[in-house]
C-alpha atoms as a PDB file:
ATOM      1  CA  MET A   1       0.000   0.000   0.000  1.00  0.00           C
ATOM      2  CA  LEU A   2       1.589   3.256  -1.169  1.00  0.00           C
ATOM      3  CA  ILE A   3       0.173   6.419   0.361  1.00  0.00           C
ATOM      4  CA  THR A   4       1.433   9.681  -1.089  1.00  0.00           C
ATOM      5  CA  TYR A   5       0.379  13.285  -0.750  1.00  0.00           C
ATOM      6  CA  GLN A   6       2.608  14.643  -3.480  1.00  0.00           C
ATOM      7  CA  GLY A   7       1.215  18.006  -4.570  1.00  0.00           C
ATOM      8  CA  LYS A   8      -1.631  17.862  -2.036  1.00  0.00           C
ATOM      9  CA  ARG A   9      -2.465  20.897   0.085  1.00  0.00           C
ATOM     10  CA  VAL A  10      -2.833  19.957   3.724  1.00  0.00           C
ATOM     11  CA  ILE A  11      -3.747  22.060   6.766  1.00  0.00           C
ATOM     12  CA  VAL A  12      -2.939  20.763  10.242  1.00  0.00           C
ATOM     13  CA  ALA A  13      -4.531  22.920  12.930  1.00  0.00           C
ATOM     14  CA  GLY A  14      -2.856  22.566  16.309  1.00  0.00           C
ATOM     15  CA  ALA A  15       0.515  21.509  14.925  1.00  0.00           C
ATOM     16  CA  ALA A  16       3.006  22.885  17.438  1.00  0.00           C
ATOM     17  CA  ARG A  17       3.457  19.847  19.640  1.00  0.00           C
ATOM     18  CA  GLY A  18       2.823  16.154  20.120  1.00  0.00           C
ATOM     19  CA  ILE A  19       0.193  14.647  17.871  1.00  0.00           C
ATOM     20  CA  GLY A  20      -0.200  17.713  15.659  1.00  0.00           C
ATOM     21  CA  HIS A  21       3.546  17.992  15.102  1.00  0.00           C
ATOM     22  CA  ALA A  22       3.787  14.301  14.162  1.00  0.00           C
ATOM     23  CA  ILE A  23       0.865  14.609  11.734  1.00  0.00           C
ATOM     24  CA  ALA A  24       2.297  17.697  10.010  1.00  0.00           C
ATOM     25  CA  VAL A  25       5.687  16.034   9.576  1.00  0.00           C
ATOM     26  CA  ALA A  26       4.129  12.761   8.365  1.00  0.00           C
ATOM     27  CA  PHE A  27       2.168  14.497   5.598  1.00  0.00           C
ATOM     28  CA  ALA A  28       5.247  16.483   4.513  1.00  0.00           C
ATOM     29  CA  GLU A  29       7.397  13.351   4.507  1.00  0.00           C
ATOM     30  CA  ASN A  30       4.855  11.860   2.126  1.00  0.00           C
ATOM     31  CA  GLY A  31       5.081  14.799  -0.251  1.00  0.00           C
ATOM     32  CA  GLY A  32       2.383  17.096   1.107  1.00  0.00           C
ATOM     33  CA  GLU A  33       2.377  20.891   1.013  1.00  0.00           C
ATOM     34  CA  VAL A  34       1.528  21.348   4.669  1.00  0.00           C
ATOM     35  CA  THR A  35       0.348  24.514   6.377  1.00  0.00           C
ATOM     36  CA  ALA A  36       0.976  23.848  10.056  1.00  0.00           C
ATOM     37  CA  CYS A  37      -0.903  26.363  12.163  1.00  0.00           C
ATOM     38  CA  ASP A  38      -1.094  26.993  15.868  1.00  0.00           C
ATOM     39  CA  ARG A  39      -1.296  29.821  18.375  1.00  0.00           C
ATOM     40  CA  LEU A  40       2.234  28.726  19.363  1.00  0.00           C
ATOM     41  CA  VAL A  41       3.552  29.632  15.937  1.00  0.00           C
ATOM     42  CA  ASP A  42       7.165  30.057  17.078  1.00  0.00           C
ATOM     43  CA  GLU A  43       7.234  26.358  17.992  1.00  0.00           C
ATOM     44  CA  VAL A  44       5.927  25.483  14.529  1.00  0.00           C
ATOM     45  CA  LYS A  45       8.598  27.646  12.920  1.00  0.00           C
ATOM     46  CA  SER A  46      11.256  25.519  14.607  1.00  0.00           C
ATOM     47  CA  PHE A  47      10.442  22.582  12.302  1.00  0.00           C
ATOM     48  CA  ALA A  48       8.975  24.394   9.282  1.00  0.00           C
ATOM     49  CA  GLY A  49      10.608  24.329   5.863  1.00  0.00           C
ATOM     50  CA  PRO A  50      11.362  21.790   3.122  1.00  0.00           C
ATOM     51  CA  VAL A  51      11.369  18.109   4.058  1.00  0.00           C
ATOM     52  CA  LYS A  52      13.840  15.640   2.515  1.00  0.00           C
ATOM     53  CA  ALA A  53      11.071  13.495   1.063  1.00  0.00           C
ATOM     54  CA  GLY A  54       9.885  16.414  -1.062  1.00  0.00           C
ATOM     55  CA  GLY A  55       7.125  17.995   0.958  1.00  0.00           C
ATOM     56  CA  THR A  56       7.100  21.329   2.760  1.00  0.00           C
ATOM     57  CA  ILE A  57       5.855  22.715   6.053  1.00  0.00           C
ATOM     58  CA  LEU A  58       4.713  26.333   6.237  1.00  0.00           C
ATOM     59  CA  ALA A  59       4.169  27.803   9.703  1.00  0.00           C
ATOM     60  CA  ALA A  60       1.104  29.974  10.292  1.00  0.00           C
ATOM     61  CA  ALA A  61      -0.415  31.611  13.351  1.00  0.00           C
ATOM     62  CA  VAL A  62      -4.071  30.939  14.041  1.00  0.00           C
ATOM     63  CA  ASP A  63      -6.711  31.519  16.668  1.00  0.00           C
ATOM     64  CA  VAL A  64      -9.057  28.554  16.274  1.00  0.00           C
ATOM     65  CA  THR A  65     -11.883  30.450  17.964  1.00  0.00           C
ATOM     66  CA  ASP A  66     -11.711  33.352  15.487  1.00  0.00           C
ATOM     67  CA  LYS A  67     -13.351  32.903  12.084  1.00  0.00           C
ATOM     68  CA  PRO A  68     -11.344  35.623  10.224  1.00  0.00           C
ATOM     69  CA  SER A  69      -8.085  34.141  11.551  1.00  0.00           C
ATOM     70  CA  ILE A  70      -9.050  30.706  10.240  1.00  0.00           C
ATOM     71  CA  GLU A  71     -10.188  32.070   6.880  1.00  0.00           C
ATOM     72  CA  ALA A  72      -6.849  33.873   6.495  1.00  0.00           C
ATOM     73  CA  VAL A  73      -4.957  30.611   7.049  1.00  0.00           C
ATOM     74  CA  VAL A  74      -7.088  28.775   4.487  1.00  0.00           C
ATOM     75  CA  ALA A  75      -6.637  31.564   1.925  1.00  0.00           C
ATOM     76  CA  ALA A  76      -2.873  31.644   2.461  1.00  0.00           C
ATOM     77  CA  ALA A  77      -2.722  27.853   2.037  1.00  0.00           C
ATOM     78  CA  GLY A  78      -4.261  28.162  -1.425  1.00  0.00           C
ATOM     79  CA  GLY A  79      -7.983  28.282  -0.776  1.00  0.00           C
ATOM     80  CA  THR A  80      -8.728  24.826  -2.158  1.00  0.00           C
ATOM     81  CA  ILE A  81      -7.477  22.389   0.459  1.00  0.00           C
ATOM     82  CA  ASP A  82      -7.191  18.657  -0.110  1.00  0.00           C
ATOM     83  CA  VAL A  83      -6.901  17.615   3.543  1.00  0.00           C
ATOM     84  CA  LEU A  84      -7.829  19.319   6.806  1.00  0.00           C
ATOM     85  CA  VAL A  85      -6.679  17.757  10.062  1.00  0.00           C
ATOM     86  CA  TYR A  86      -8.063  19.418  13.177  1.00  0.00           C
ATOM     87  CA  VAL A  87      -5.940  18.580  16.214  1.00  0.00           C
ATOM     88  CA  ALA A  88      -6.337  21.738  18.296  1.00  0.00           C
ATOM     89  CA  GLY A  89      -8.154  21.682  21.601  1.00  0.00           C
ATOM     90  CA  GLY A  90      -6.999  19.870  24.697  1.00  0.00           C
ATOM     91  CA  ILE A  91      -7.833  20.912  28.242  1.00  0.00           C
ATOM     92  CA  ARG A  92      -6.335  24.414  28.030  1.00  0.00           C
ATOM     93  CA  GLY A  93      -4.341  23.975  31.215  1.00  0.00           C
ATOM     94  CA  GLN A  94      -7.419  23.259  33.307  1.00  0.00           C
ATOM     95  CA  LYS A  95      -7.832  20.682  36.060  1.00  0.00           C
ATOM     96  CA  HIS A  96     -10.855  18.826  37.373  1.00  0.00           C
ATOM     97  CA  LYS A  97     -13.142  20.775  39.668  1.00  0.00           C
ATOM     98  CA  PRO A  98     -16.501  19.781  41.153  1.00  0.00           C
ATOM     99  CA  LEU A  99     -19.315  20.738  38.795  1.00  0.00           C
ATOM    100  CA  GLU A 100     -20.597  23.580  40.960  1.00  0.00           C
ATOM    101  CA  GLU A 101     -17.140  25.193  41.069  1.00  0.00           C
ATOM    102  CA  VAL A 102     -16.524  25.372  37.312  1.00  0.00           C
ATOM    103  CA  PRO A 103     -16.684  28.932  35.926  1.00  0.00           C
ATOM    104  CA  VAL A 104     -18.765  29.071  32.772  1.00  0.00           C
ATOM    105  CA  GLU A 105     -15.858  30.856  31.078  1.00  0.00           C
ATOM    106  CA  ASP A 106     -13.680  27.776  31.655  1.00  0.00           C
ATOM    107  CA  PHE A 107     -16.360  25.557  30.140  1.00  0.00           C
ATOM    108  CA  HIS A 108     -16.636  27.744  27.050  1.00  0.00           C
ATOM    109  CA  GLN A 109     -12.861  27.942  26.622  1.00  0.00           C
ATOM    110  CA  ILE A 110     -12.520  24.175  26.228  1.00  0.00           C
ATOM    111  CA  VAL A 111     -15.654  23.752  24.103  1.00  0.00           C
ATOM    112  CA  ASP A 112     -14.609  26.579  21.788  1.00  0.00           C
ATOM    113  CA  ALA A 113     -11.113  25.165  21.254  1.00  0.00           C
ATOM    114  CA  ASN A 114     -12.193  21.561  20.716  1.00  0.00           C
ATOM    115  CA  LEU A 115     -15.596  21.859  19.042  1.00  0.00           C
ATOM    116  CA  THR A 116     -16.261  25.356  17.729  1.00  0.00           C
ATOM    117  CA  GLY A 117     -12.814  25.508  16.156  1.00  0.00           C
ATOM    118  CA  ALA A 118     -13.412  22.230  14.336  1.00  0.00           C
ATOM    119  CA  PHE A 119     -16.702  23.603  13.009  1.00  0.00           C
ATOM    120  CA  LEU A 120     -15.126  26.880  11.861  1.00  0.00           C
ATOM    121  CA  PHE A 121     -12.236  25.169  10.089  1.00  0.00           C
ATOM    122  CA  ALA A 122     -14.557  22.726   8.329  1.00  0.00           C
ATOM    123  CA  GLN A 123     -16.743  25.648   7.322  1.00  0.00           C
ATOM    124  CA  ALA A 124     -13.735  27.451   5.867  1.00  0.00           C
ATOM    125  CA  VAL A 125     -12.420  24.555   3.749  1.00  0.00           C
ATOM    126  CA  ALA A 126     -15.766  23.143   2.598  1.00  0.00           C
ATOM    127  CA  PRO A 127     -16.409  25.551  -0.320  1.00  0.00           C
ATOM    128  CA  GLY A 128     -13.090  24.742  -1.992  1.00  0.00           C
ATOM    129  CA  MET A 129     -13.531  21.025  -1.442  1.00  0.00           C
ATOM    130  CA  LYS A 130     -17.025  21.184  -2.917  1.00  0.00           C
ATOM    131  CA  ARG A 131     -15.719  22.946  -6.011  1.00  0.00           C
ATOM    132  CA  ALA A 132     -13.016  20.305  -6.393  1.00  0.00           C
ATOM    133  CA  GLY A 133     -15.495  17.478  -5.865  1.00  0.00           C
ATOM    134  CA  LYS A 134     -13.282  15.851  -3.241  1.00  0.00           C
ATOM    135  CA  GLY A 135     -11.664  16.389   0.120  1.00  0.00           C
ATOM    136  CA  ARG A 136     -10.729  14.849   3.438  1.00  0.00           C
ATOM    137  CA  ILE A 137     -11.497  16.204   6.903  1.00  0.00           C
ATOM    138  CA  VAL A 138     -10.079  14.357   9.901  1.00  0.00           C
ATOM    139  CA  THR A 139     -10.391  15.506  13.495  1.00  0.00           C
ATOM    140  CA  ILE A 140      -8.508  14.270  16.527  1.00  0.00           C
ATOM    141  CA  SER A 141     -11.055  13.540  19.184  1.00  0.00           C
ATOM    142  CA  SER A 142     -10.420  11.245  22.137  1.00  0.00           C
ATOM    143  CA  ARG A 143     -11.568   8.174  23.978  1.00  0.00           C
ATOM    144  CA  ALA A 144     -13.560  10.870  25.815  1.00  0.00           C
ATOM    145  CA  ALA A 145     -15.796  11.058  22.723  1.00  0.00           C
ATOM    146  CA  LEU A 146     -17.122   7.628  23.691  1.00  0.00           C
ATOM    147  CA  ALA A 147     -16.884   7.501  27.467  1.00  0.00           C
ATOM    148  CA  PRO A 148     -16.318   9.717  30.504  1.00  0.00           C
ATOM    149  CA  SER A 149     -12.963  11.486  30.334  1.00  0.00           C
ATOM    150  CA  LEU A 150     -10.082  10.344  32.515  1.00  0.00           C
ATOM    151  CA  THR A 151      -9.388  14.040  33.089  1.00  0.00           C
ATOM    152  CA  GLY A 152     -12.679  14.433  34.921  1.00  0.00           C
ATOM    153  CA  ILE A 153     -13.170  17.741  33.105  1.00  0.00           C
ATOM    154  CA  GLN A 154     -16.838  18.114  32.177  1.00  0.00           C
ATOM    155  CA  ALA A 155     -16.228  20.486  29.271  1.00  0.00           C
ATOM    156  CA  TYR A 156     -13.645  18.199  27.683  1.00  0.00           C
ATOM    157  CA  ALA A 157     -15.953  15.188  27.609  1.00  0.00           C
ATOM    158  CA  SER A 158     -18.795  17.389  26.353  1.00  0.00           C
ATOM    159  CA  ALA A 159     -16.669  18.894  23.582  1.00  0.00           C
ATOM    160  CA  LYS A 160     -15.301  15.556  22.385  1.00  0.00           C
ATOM    161  CA  HIS A 161     -18.747  13.940  22.369  1.00  0.00           C
ATOM    162  CA  GLY A 162     -19.938  16.991  20.447  1.00  0.00           C
ATOM    163  CA  GLN A 163     -17.083  16.731  17.989  1.00  0.00           C
ATOM    164  CA  LEU A 164     -18.089  13.170  17.180  1.00  0.00           C
ATOM    165  CA  GLY A 165     -21.624  14.387  16.509  1.00  0.00           C
ATOM    166  CA  LEU A 166     -20.263  17.128  14.275  1.00  0.00           C
ATOM    167  CA  VAL A 167     -18.159  14.629  12.318  1.00  0.00           C
ATOM    168  CA  ARG A 168     -21.125  12.365  11.699  1.00  0.00           C
ATOM    169  CA  GLN A 169     -23.393  15.233  10.673  1.00  0.00           C
ATOM    170  CA  LEU A 170     -20.809  16.748   8.314  1.00  0.00           C
ATOM    171  CA  ALA A 171     -20.135  13.329   6.796  1.00  0.00           C
ATOM    172  CA  HIS A 172     -23.852  13.026   6.037  1.00  0.00           C
ATOM    173  CA  GLU A 173     -23.973  16.517   4.529  1.00  0.00           C
ATOM    174  CA  LEU A 174     -20.728  16.560   2.549  1.00  0.00           C
ATOM    175  CA  GLY A 175     -20.550  13.008   1.222  1.00  0.00           C
ATOM    176  CA  GLN A 176     -22.449  13.951  -1.939  1.00  0.00           C
ATOM    177  CA  PHE A 177     -19.553  16.272  -2.826  1.00  0.00           C
ATOM    178  CA  GLY A 178     -16.892  13.561  -2.524  1.00  0.00           C
ATOM    179  CA  ILE A 179     -15.770  14.779   0.907  1.00  0.00           C
ATOM    180  CA  THR A 180     -15.175  12.346   3.750  1.00  0.00           C
ATOM    181  CA  VAL A 181     -15.226  13.372   7.416  1.00  0.00           C
ATOM    182  CA  ASN A 182     -13.806  11.101  10.116  1.00  0.00           C
ATOM    183  CA  THR A 183     -12.201  11.288  13.534  1.00  0.00           C
ATOM    184  CA  VAL A 184      -9.338   9.487  15.254  1.00  0.00           C
ATOM    185  CA  ALA A 185      -9.725   8.865  18.987  1.00  0.00           C
ATOM    186  CA  PRO A 186      -6.393   8.392  20.756  1.00  0.00           C
ATOM    187  CA  GLY A 187      -6.062   6.859  24.161  1.00  0.00           C
ATOM    188  CA  PHE A 188      -4.147   8.721  26.852  1.00  0.00           C
ATOM    189  CA  LEU A 189      -0.812   9.986  25.496  1.00  0.00           C
ATOM    190  CA  ARG A 190       1.813  12.061  27.235  1.00  0.00           C
ATOM    191  CA  THR A 191       1.937  14.605  24.428  1.00  0.00           C
ATOM    192  CA  SER A 192       1.366  17.884  26.254  1.00  0.00           C
ATOM    193  CA  PRO A 193       2.457  19.555  29.485  1.00  0.00           C
ATOM    194  CA  ASP A 194      -1.270  19.769  30.291  1.00  0.00           C
ATOM    195  CA  TYR A 195      -1.425  15.996  30.781  1.00  0.00           C
ATOM    196  CA  GLU A 196       1.706  15.551  32.883  1.00  0.00           C
ATOM    197  CA  PRO A 197       0.019  16.411  36.223  1.00  0.00           C
ATOM    198  CA  GLN A 198      -2.517  13.669  35.536  1.00  0.00           C
ATOM    199  CA  TRP A 199       0.240  11.158  34.739  1.00  0.00           C
ATOM    200  CA  GLU A 200       2.341  12.152  37.740  1.00  0.00           C
ATOM    201  CA  GLY A 201      -0.716  12.047  39.981  1.00  0.00           C
ATOM    202  CA  TRP A 202      -1.121   8.329  39.315  1.00  0.00           C
ATOM    203  CA  GLY A 203       2.263   7.608  40.879  1.00  0.00           C
ATOM    204  CA  THR A 204       4.614   4.793  39.864  1.00  0.00           C
ATOM    205  CA  GLU A 205       2.201   1.998  40.702  1.00  0.00           C
ATOM    206  CA  GLY A 206      -0.735   3.728  39.039  1.00  0.00           C
ATOM    207  CA  GLN A 207       1.288   4.349  35.891  1.00  0.00           C
ATOM    208  CA  LYS A 208       2.356   0.716  35.770  1.00  0.00           C
ATOM    209  CA  ALA A 209      -1.231  -0.459  36.263  1.00  0.00           C
ATOM    210  CA  PHE A 210      -2.439   1.873  33.501  1.00  0.00           C
ATOM    211  CA  VAL A 211       0.028   0.461  30.967  1.00  0.00           C
ATOM    212  CA  GLU A 212      -0.797  -3.111  32.012  1.00  0.00           C
ATOM    213  CA  ARG A 213      -4.466  -2.447  31.194  1.00  0.00           C
ATOM    214  CA  ILE A 214      -3.481  -1.640  27.591  1.00  0.00           C
ATOM    215  CA  ALA A 215      -3.665  -4.786  25.458  1.00  0.00           C
ATOM    216  CA  MET A 216      -0.427  -3.910  23.663  1.00  0.00           C
ATOM    217  CA  ARG A 217       1.282  -3.214  27.013  1.00  0.00           C
ATOM    218  CA  ARG A 218       2.752   0.081  25.876  1.00  0.00           C
ATOM    219  CA  MET A 219       1.835   3.752  25.729  1.00  0.00           C
ATOM    220  CA  GLY A 220       0.887   5.137  22.370  1.00  0.00           C
ATOM    221  CA  THR A 221       3.019   7.592  20.430  1.00  0.00           C
ATOM    222  CA  PRO A 222       2.156  10.581  18.240  1.00  0.00           C
ATOM    223  CA  GLN A 223       3.312   8.533  15.243  1.00  0.00           C
ATOM    224  CA  ASP A 224       0.658   5.896  15.990  1.00  0.00           C
ATOM    225  CA  ILE A 225      -1.967   8.609  15.607  1.00  0.00           C
ATOM    226  CA  ALA A 226      -0.332  10.147  12.545  1.00  0.00           C
ATOM    227  CA  ASP A 227      -0.351   6.794  10.758  1.00  0.00           C
ATOM    228  CA  ALA A 228      -4.100   6.434  11.328  1.00  0.00           C
ATOM    229  CA  VAL A 229      -4.711   9.942   9.991  1.00  0.00           C
ATOM    230  CA  LEU A 230      -2.596   9.306   6.890  1.00  0.00           C
ATOM    231  CA  PHE A 231      -4.796   6.313   6.107  1.00  0.00           C
ATOM    232  CA  LEU A 232      -8.120   8.086   6.643  1.00  0.00           C
ATOM    233  CA  ALA A 233      -6.984  10.992   4.472  1.00  0.00           C
ATOM    234  CA  SER A 234      -5.844   8.695   1.657  1.00  0.00           C
ATOM    235  CA  ASP A 235      -7.614   7.331  -1.390  1.00  0.00           C
ATOM    236  CA  TYR A 236      -7.693   3.943   0.337  1.00  0.00           C
ATOM    237  CA  ALA A 237     -10.307   5.352   2.720  1.00  0.00           C
ATOM    238  CA  SER A 238     -12.499   6.937   0.057  1.00  0.00           C
ATOM    239  CA  TRP A 239     -15.593   4.984   1.161  1.00  0.00           C
ATOM    240  CA  ILE A 240     -15.111   5.498   4.893  1.00  0.00           C
ATOM    241  CA  THR A 241     -16.916   8.481   6.368  1.00  0.00           C
ATOM    242  CA  GLY A 242     -18.621   9.535   9.578  1.00  0.00           C
ATOM    243  CA  GLN A 243     -16.517   7.077  11.567  1.00  0.00           C
ATOM    244  CA  ILE A 244     -14.521   7.224  14.783  1.00  0.00           C
ATOM    245  CA  LEU A 245     -11.298   5.205  14.744  1.00  0.00           C
ATOM    246  CA  PRO A 246     -10.072   4.465  18.269  1.00  0.00           C
ATOM    247  CA  VAL A 247      -6.267   4.231  18.379  1.00  0.00           C
ATOM    248  CA  THR A 248      -5.734   3.048  21.922  1.00  0.00           C
ATOM    249  CA  GLY A 249      -3.662  -0.151  21.809  1.00  0.00           C
ATOM    250  CA  SER A 250      -6.709  -2.002  23.139  1.00  0.00           C
ATOM    251  CA  PRO A 251     -10.001  -3.393  21.818  1.00  0.00           C
ATOM    252  CA  ASN A 252     -11.998  -1.075  24.083  1.00  0.00           C
END
């Protein structure tokens, strides 16, 4: 199976670190013309440029909660985008609090980054994809799209469940234009400073027990997620849409 993105325009939103970084590099290493955008644009610039395999990575600043900012990124990337990968979101540095202690602003911050941003980016790339009669949209959701979140953060579970609903609805709407919409749901990965307190809080024995509950008996890596995205964005997945692909190292 040969997957190539030679000459394809790809946007990866939330590309500065971890999963997003791995996805941006993977597309470029397979020939893609990648616009890697993030609010942490200086971190993206550190790995931007030509890639030996023939692709390129262009760094761009974006605010995923701001429609004009997103539209500017899409326009700068060429307007007609072949692949959109929406990785941005996370827990925005928040920690679990009892329901009655959560400020509504904190709730909105997480929902806007994880769900509203995905909607706005899809909205921005859809016209070009419709004109082209093809396109791929892949979001990075979470196991929290299917079950309560290990973070305990109400907004995160709500946003990821909502993102799955968005993916399924957009798949239904856009399929007639040759556009597929899917999501990859990683298990817990140590890909961001936001998740380190959770990992450290489990302690040595808790960490060991967590890994032993994974069927593959290892933690996942950003590359594991990138490989799944490369497949869903390829021609080999042209009749797969509206699906959630758990990448967790386990059958559940």
